[in-house]
Amino acid sequence: MTPSERKLRRAAILTAVEWLAIRRENSTRILVTHQLQFLDCADKVLVIEEGAIVFDGTPKQFRASAASK
């Protein structure tokens, strides 16, 4: 990845974090990601493996369950 591509990617991630940080009443947002740094922006975490929900809880609960594995 070139330096300009890294800069563009970093800017896109910051924009996504800012968007997630804005709480709007009566709104639902769904974010699909493999990047765990977005957990703190969520109220609820779902983990789906092969089409089945294998975890449903809060970011704190997710971290605790991941630490126990």
PDB file of N, CA and C in Angstrom:
ATOM      1  N   MET A   1       0.855  -1.167   0.000  1.00  0.00           N
ATOM      2  CA  MET A   1       0.000   0.000   0.000  1.00  0.00           C
ATOM      3  C   MET A   1       0.907   1.239   0.000  1.00  0.00           C
ATOM      4  N   THR A   2       0.601   2.166  -0.874  1.00  0.00           N
ATOM      5  CA  THR A   2       1.408   3.377  -0.964  1.00  0.00           C
ATOM      6  C   THR A   2       1.052   4.329   0.171  1.00  0.00           C
ATOM      7  N   PRO A   3       1.938   5.299   0.470  1.00  0.00           N
ATOM      8  CA  PRO A   3       1.616   6.280   1.522  1.00  0.00           C
ATOM      9  C   PRO A   3       0.308   7.030   1.255  1.00  0.00           C
ATOM     10  N   SER A   4       0.031   7.372   0.015  1.00  0.00           N
ATOM     11  CA  SER A   4      -1.220   8.093  -0.273  1.00  0.00           C
ATOM     12  C   SER A   4      -2.436   7.193  -0.062  1.00  0.00           C
ATOM     13  N   GLU A   5      -2.302   5.908  -0.371  1.00  0.00           N
ATOM     14  CA  GLU A   5      -3.406   4.974  -0.128  1.00  0.00           C
ATOM     15  C   GLU A   5      -3.641   4.795   1.369  1.00  0.00           C
ATOM     16  N   ARG A   6      -2.557   4.729   2.145  1.00  0.00           N
ATOM     17  CA  ARG A   6      -2.686   4.622   3.605  1.00  0.00           C
ATOM     18  C   ARG A   6      -3.376   5.859   4.181  1.00  0.00           C
ATOM     19  N   LYS A   7      -3.003   7.035   3.675  1.00  0.00           N
ATOM     20  CA  LYS A   7      -3.607   8.286   4.150  1.00  0.00           C
ATOM     21  C   LYS A   7      -5.103   8.307   3.835  1.00  0.00           C
ATOM     22  N   LEU A   8      -5.474   7.885   2.643  1.00  0.00           N
ATOM     23  CA  LEU A   8      -6.884   7.849   2.241  1.00  0.00           C
ATOM     24  C   LEU A   8      -7.661   6.846   3.088  1.00  0.00           C
ATOM     25  N   ARG A   9      -7.062   5.681   3.339  1.00  0.00           N
ATOM     26  CA  ARG A   9      -7.722   4.663   4.169  1.00  0.00           C
ATOM     27  C   ARG A   9      -7.926   5.178   5.589  1.00  0.00           C
ATOM     28  N   ARG A  10      -6.904   5.825   6.149  1.00  0.00           N
ATOM     29  CA  ARG A  10      -7.001   6.371   7.511  1.00  0.00           C
ATOM     30  C   ARG A  10      -8.120   7.415   7.585  1.00  0.00           C
ATOM     31  N   ALA A  11      -8.225   8.263   6.566  1.00  0.00           N
ATOM     32  CA  ALA A  11      -9.277   9.280   6.534  1.00  0.00           C
ATOM     33  C   ALA A  11     -10.655   8.633   6.463  1.00  0.00           C
ATOM     34  N   ALA A  12     -10.780   7.563   5.696  1.00  0.00           N
ATOM     35  CA  ALA A  12     -12.066   6.863   5.580  1.00  0.00           C
ATOM     36  C   ALA A  12     -12.457   6.229   6.909  1.00  0.00           C
ATOM     37  N   ILE A  13     -11.494   5.664   7.615  1.00  0.00           N
ATOM     38  CA  ILE A  13     -11.785   5.054   8.928  1.00  0.00           C
ATOM     39  C   ILE A  13     -12.209   6.128   9.917  1.00  0.00           C
ATOM     40  N   LEU A  14     -11.525   7.272   9.925  1.00  0.00           N
ATOM     41  CA  LEU A  14     -11.901   8.354  10.828  1.00  0.00           C
ATOM     42  C   LEU A  14     -13.309   8.852  10.523  1.00  0.00           C
ATOM     43  N   THR A  15     -13.655   8.969   9.248  1.00  0.00           N
ATOM     44  CA  THR A  15     -14.999   9.399   8.868  1.00  0.00           C
ATOM     45  C   THR A  15     -16.035   8.401   9.368  1.00  0.00           C
ATOM     46  N   ALA A  16     -15.750   7.116   9.245  1.00  0.00           N
ATOM     47  CA  ALA A  16     -16.682   6.083   9.720  1.00  0.00           C
ATOM     48  C   ALA A  16     -16.853   6.163  11.228  1.00  0.00           C
ATOM     49  N   VAL A  17     -15.774   6.368  11.965  1.00  0.00           N
ATOM     50  CA  VAL A  17     -15.853   6.478  13.421  1.00  0.00           C
ATOM     51  C   VAL A  17     -16.662   7.705  13.813  1.00  0.00           C
ATOM     52  N   GLU A  18     -16.451   8.827  13.141  1.00  0.00           N
ATOM     53  CA  GLU A  18     -17.222  10.041  13.426  1.00  0.00           C
ATOM     54  C   GLU A  18     -18.701   9.801  13.154  1.00  0.00           C
ATOM     55  N   TRP A  19     -19.017   9.136  12.046  1.00  0.00           N
ATOM     56  CA  TRP A  19     -20.407   8.852  11.699  1.00  0.00           C
ATOM     57  C   TRP A  19     -21.051   7.962  12.749  1.00  0.00           C
ATOM     58  N   LEU A  20     -20.312   6.958  13.201  1.00  0.00           N
ATOM     59  CA  LEU A  20     -20.851   6.060  14.213  1.00  0.00           C
ATOM     60  C   LEU A  20     -21.029   6.749  15.560  1.00  0.00           C
ATOM     61  N   ALA A  21     -20.196   7.731  15.839  1.00  0.00           N
ATOM     62  CA  ALA A  21     -20.239   8.419  17.132  1.00  0.00           C
ATOM     63  C   ALA A  21     -21.456   9.332  17.268  1.00  0.00           C
ATOM     64  N   ILE A  22     -22.033   9.751  16.162  1.00  0.00           N
ATOM     65  CA  ILE A  22     -23.208  10.628  16.211  1.00  0.00           C
ATOM     66  C   ILE A  22     -24.433   9.783  16.540  1.00  0.00           C
ATOM     67  N   ARG A  23     -24.955   9.974  17.724  1.00  0.00           N
ATOM     68  CA  ARG A  23     -26.140   9.226  18.159  1.00  0.00           C
ATOM     69  C   ARG A  23     -27.383   9.971  17.680  1.00  0.00           C
ATOM     70  N   ARG A  24     -28.228   9.274  17.005  1.00  0.00           N
ATOM     71  CA  ARG A  24     -29.482   9.866  16.549  1.00  0.00           C
ATOM     72  C   ARG A  24     -30.631   9.089  17.172  1.00  0.00           C
ATOM     73  N   GLU A  25     -31.563   9.846  17.714  1.00  0.00           N
ATOM     74  CA  GLU A  25     -32.722   9.229  18.336  1.00  0.00           C
ATOM     75  C   GLU A  25     -33.527   8.465  17.288  1.00  0.00           C
ATOM     76  N   ASN A  26     -34.021   7.324  17.666  1.00  0.00           N
ATOM     77  CA  ASN A  26     -34.869   6.499  16.804  1.00  0.00           C
ATOM     78  C   ASN A  26     -34.178   6.102  15.499  1.00  0.00           C
ATOM     79  N   SER A  27     -32.894   5.815  15.553  1.00  0.00           N
ATOM     80  CA  SER A  27     -32.215   5.360  14.345  1.00  0.00           C
ATOM     81  C   SER A  27     -31.471   4.064  14.630  1.00  0.00           C
ATOM     82  N   THR A  28     -31.357   3.275  13.599  1.00  0.00           N
ATOM     83  CA  THR A  28     -30.626   2.022  13.688  1.00  0.00           C
ATOM     84  C   THR A  28     -29.557   2.036  12.619  1.00  0.00           C
ATOM     85  N   ARG A  29     -28.351   1.642  13.006  1.00  0.00           N
ATOM     86  CA  ARG A  29     -27.249   1.543  12.056  1.00  0.00           C
ATOM     87  C   ARG A  29     -26.675   0.149  12.167  1.00  0.00           C
ATOM     88  N   ILE A  30     -26.362  -0.406  11.038  1.00  0.00           N
ATOM     89  CA  ILE A  30     -25.750  -1.727  11.013  1.00  0.00           C
ATOM     90  C   ILE A  30     -24.390  -1.583  10.355  1.00  0.00           C
ATOM     91  N   LEU A  31     -23.374  -2.033  11.054  1.00  0.00           N
ATOM     92  CA  LEU A  31     -22.010  -1.985  10.543  1.00  0.00           C
ATOM     93  C   LEU A  31     -21.488  -3.411  10.476  1.00  0.00           C
ATOM     94  N   VAL A  32     -21.036  -3.799   9.315  1.00  0.00           N
ATOM     95  CA  VAL A  32     -20.446  -5.116   9.136  1.00  0.00           C
ATOM     96  C   VAL A  32     -18.946  -4.914   8.995  1.00  0.00           C
ATOM     97  N   THR A  33     -18.177  -5.498   9.903  1.00  0.00           N
ATOM     98  CA  THR A  33     -16.730  -5.273   9.886  1.00  0.00           C
ATOM     99  C   THR A  33     -15.993  -6.405  10.577  1.00  0.00           C
ATOM    100  N   HIS A  34     -14.723  -6.491  10.264  1.00  0.00           N
ATOM    101  CA  HIS A  34     -13.810  -7.396  10.977  1.00  0.00           C
ATOM    102  C   HIS A  34     -12.893  -6.584  11.887  1.00  0.00           C
ATOM    103  N   GLN A  35     -13.074  -5.263  11.920  1.00  0.00           N
ATOM    104  CA  GLN A  35     -12.192  -4.371  12.665  1.00  0.00           C
ATOM    105  C   GLN A  35     -12.766  -4.112  14.058  1.00  0.00           C
ATOM    106  N   LEU A  36     -12.127  -4.698  15.051  1.00  0.00           N
ATOM    107  CA  LEU A  36     -12.654  -4.655  16.407  1.00  0.00           C
ATOM    108  C   LEU A  36     -12.581  -3.268  17.049  1.00  0.00           C
ATOM    109  N   GLN A  37     -11.834  -2.336  16.466  1.00  0.00           N
ATOM    110  CA  GLN A  37     -11.780  -0.999  17.057  1.00  0.00           C
ATOM    111  C   GLN A  37     -13.136  -0.292  16.985  1.00  0.00           C
ATOM    112  N   PHE A  38     -14.065  -0.797  16.187  1.00  0.00           N
ATOM    113  CA  PHE A  38     -15.391  -0.190  16.094  1.00  0.00           C
ATOM    114  C   PHE A  38     -16.340  -0.666  17.190  1.00  0.00           C
ATOM    115  N   LEU A  39     -15.918  -1.610  18.012  1.00  0.00           N
ATOM    116  CA  LEU A  39     -16.794  -2.132  19.067  1.00  0.00           C
ATOM    117  C   LEU A  39     -17.309  -1.042  19.995  1.00  0.00           C
ATOM    118  N   ASP A  40     -16.454  -0.079  20.344  1.00  0.00           N
ATOM    119  CA  ASP A  40     -16.859   0.952  21.296  1.00  0.00           C
ATOM    120  C   ASP A  40     -17.948   1.875  20.748  1.00  0.00           C
ATOM    121  N   CYS A  41     -18.170   1.829  19.448  1.00  0.00           N
ATOM    122  CA  CYS A  41     -19.219   2.652  18.836  1.00  0.00           C
ATOM    123  C   CYS A  41     -20.570   1.943  18.847  1.00  0.00           C
ATOM    124  N   ALA A  42     -20.585   0.711  19.289  1.00  0.00           N
ATOM    125  CA  ALA A  42     -21.802  -0.099  19.200  1.00  0.00           C
ATOM    126  C   ALA A  42     -22.500  -0.248  20.544  1.00  0.00           C
ATOM    127  N   ASP A  43     -23.808  -0.412  20.477  1.00  0.00           N
ATOM    128  CA  ASP A  43     -24.605  -0.757  21.655  1.00  0.00           C
ATOM    129  C   ASP A  43     -24.761  -2.272  21.755  1.00  0.00           C
ATOM    130  N   LYS A  44     -24.719  -2.923  20.590  1.00  0.00           N
ATOM    131  CA  LYS A  44     -24.964  -4.358  20.523  1.00  0.00           C
ATOM    132  C   LYS A  44     -24.022  -4.968  19.493  1.00  0.00           C
ATOM    133  N   VAL A  45     -23.573  -6.184  19.768  1.00  0.00           N
ATOM    134  CA  VAL A  45     -22.675  -6.906  18.864  1.00  0.00           C
ATOM    135  C   VAL A  45     -23.309  -8.248  18.522  1.00  0.00           C
ATOM    136  N   LEU A  46     -23.346  -8.546  17.243  1.00  0.00           N
ATOM    137  CA  LEU A  46     -23.771  -9.868  16.779  1.00  0.00           C
ATOM    138  C   LEU A  46     -22.594 -10.484  16.046  1.00  0.00           C
ATOM    139  N   VAL A  47     -22.301 -11.723  16.326  1.00  0.00           N
ATOM    140  CA  VAL A  47     -21.273 -12.451  15.581  1.00  0.00           C
ATOM    141  C   VAL A  47     -21.995 -13.557  14.823  1.00  0.00           C
ATOM    142  N   ILE A  48     -21.764 -13.568  13.520  1.00  0.00           N
ATOM    143  CA  ILE A  48     -22.435 -14.545  12.663  1.00  0.00           C
ATOM    144  C   ILE A  48     -21.376 -15.426  12.020  1.00  0.00           C
ATOM    145  N   GLU A  49     -21.538 -16.719  12.173  1.00  0.00           N
ATOM    146  CA  GLU A  49     -20.649 -17.692  11.540  1.00  0.00           C
ATOM    147  C   GLU A  49     -21.481 -18.654  10.717  1.00  0.00           C
ATOM    148  N   GLU A  50     -21.148 -18.771   9.467  1.00  0.00           N
ATOM    149  CA  GLU A  50     -21.847 -19.671   8.544  1.00  0.00           C
ATOM    150  C   GLU A  50     -23.362 -19.485   8.594  1.00  0.00           C
ATOM    151  N   GLY A  51     -23.799 -18.223   8.685  1.00  0.00           N
ATOM    152  CA  GLY A  51     -25.216 -17.909   8.652  1.00  0.00           C
ATOM    153  C   GLY A  51     -25.953 -18.014   9.975  1.00  0.00           C
ATOM    154  N   ALA A  52     -25.259 -18.411  11.034  1.00  0.00           N
ATOM    155  CA  ALA A  52     -25.902 -18.564  12.340  1.00  0.00           C
ATOM    156  C   ALA A  52     -25.327 -17.551  13.329  1.00  0.00           C
ATOM    157  N   ILE A  53     -26.191 -16.970  14.160  1.00  0.00           N
ATOM    158  CA  ILE A  53     -25.730 -16.043  15.198  1.00  0.00           C
ATOM    159  C   ILE A  53     -25.097 -16.867  16.315  1.00  0.00           C
ATOM    160  N   VAL A  54     -23.801 -16.613  16.558  1.00  0.00           N
ATOM    161  CA  VAL A  54     -23.089 -17.359  17.588  1.00  0.00           C
ATOM    162  C   VAL A  54     -22.803 -16.506  18.819  1.00  0.00           C
ATOM    163  N   PHE A  55     -23.055 -15.194  18.710  1.00  0.00           N
ATOM    164  CA  PHE A  55     -22.928 -14.305  19.866  1.00  0.00           C
ATOM    165  C   PHE A  55     -23.892 -13.150  19.683  1.00  0.00           C
ATOM    166  N   ASP A  56     -24.563 -12.757  20.764  1.00  0.00           N
ATOM    167  CA  ASP A  56     -25.489 -11.628  20.779  1.00  0.00           C
ATOM    168  C   ASP A  56     -25.357 -10.971  22.138  1.00  0.00           C
ATOM    169  N   GLY A  57     -24.761  -9.775  22.186  1.00  0.00           N
ATOM    170  CA  GLY A  57     -24.571  -9.106  23.469  1.00  0.00           C
ATOM    171  C   GLY A  57     -23.945  -7.740  23.306  1.00  0.00           C
ATOM    172  N   THR A  58     -23.465  -7.199  24.397  1.00  0.00           N
ATOM    173  CA  THR A  58     -22.840  -5.871  24.394  1.00  0.00           C
ATOM    174  C   THR A  58     -21.352  -5.998  24.050  1.00  0.00           C
ATOM    175  N   PRO A  59     -20.714  -4.876  23.693  1.00  0.00           N
ATOM    176  CA  PRO A  59     -19.271  -4.926  23.456  1.00  0.00           C
ATOM    177  C   PRO A  59     -18.494  -5.461  24.672  1.00  0.00           C
ATOM    178  N   LYS A  60     -18.909  -5.066  25.878  1.00  0.00           N
ATOM    179  CA  LYS A  60     -18.241  -5.535  27.099  1.00  0.00           C
ATOM    180  C   LYS A  60     -18.369  -7.053  27.236  1.00  0.00           C
ATOM    181  N   GLN A  61     -19.555  -7.578  26.980  1.00  0.00           N
ATOM    182  CA  GLN A  61     -19.774  -9.024  27.052  1.00  0.00           C
ATOM    183  C   GLN A  61     -18.947  -9.749  25.983  1.00  0.00           C
ATOM    184  N   PHE A  62     -18.864  -9.134  24.803  1.00  0.00           N
ATOM    185  CA  PHE A  62     -18.085  -9.745  23.725  1.00  0.00           C
ATOM    186  C   PHE A  62     -16.614  -9.846  24.103  1.00  0.00           C
ATOM    187  N   ARG A  63     -16.076  -8.756  24.651  1.00  0.00           N
ATOM    188  CA  ARG A  63     -14.669  -8.774  25.054  1.00  0.00           C
ATOM    189  C   ARG A  63     -14.428  -9.848  26.129  1.00  0.00           C
ATOM    190  N   ALA A  64     -15.357  -9.959  27.068  1.00  0.00           N
ATOM    191  CA  ALA A  64     -15.217 -10.955  28.128  1.00  0.00           C
ATOM    192  C   ALA A  64     -15.279 -12.375  27.549  1.00  0.00           C
ATOM    193  N   SER A  65     -16.166 -12.605  26.594  1.00  0.00           N
ATOM    194  CA  SER A  65     -16.272 -13.945  26.000  1.00  0.00           C
ATOM    195  C   SER A  65     -15.060 -14.246  25.129  1.00  0.00           C
ATOM    196  N   ALA A  66     -14.542 -13.245  24.450  1.00  0.00           N
ATOM    197  CA  ALA A  66     -13.354 -13.451  23.600  1.00  0.00           C
ATOM    198  C   ALA A  66     -12.125 -13.723  24.455  1.00  0.00           C
ATOM    199  N   ALA A  67     -12.050 -13.095  25.623  1.00  0.00           N
ATOM    200  CA  ALA A  67     -10.913 -13.292  26.513  1.00  0.00           C
ATOM    201  C   ALA A  67     -10.919 -14.694  27.119  1.00  0.00           C
ATOM    202  N   SER A  68     -12.093 -15.266  27.252  1.00  0.00           N
ATOM    203  CA  SER A  68     -12.181 -16.590  27.869  1.00  0.00           C
ATOM    204  C   SER A  68     -11.885 -17.722  26.884  1.00  0.00           C
ATOM    205  N   LYS A  69     -11.738 -17.393  25.610  1.00  0.00           N
ATOM    206  CA  LYS A  69     -11.472 -18.439  24.601  1.00  0.00           C
ATOM    207  C   LYS A  69      -9.992 -18.634  24.412  1.00  0.00           C
TER     208      LYS A  69
END
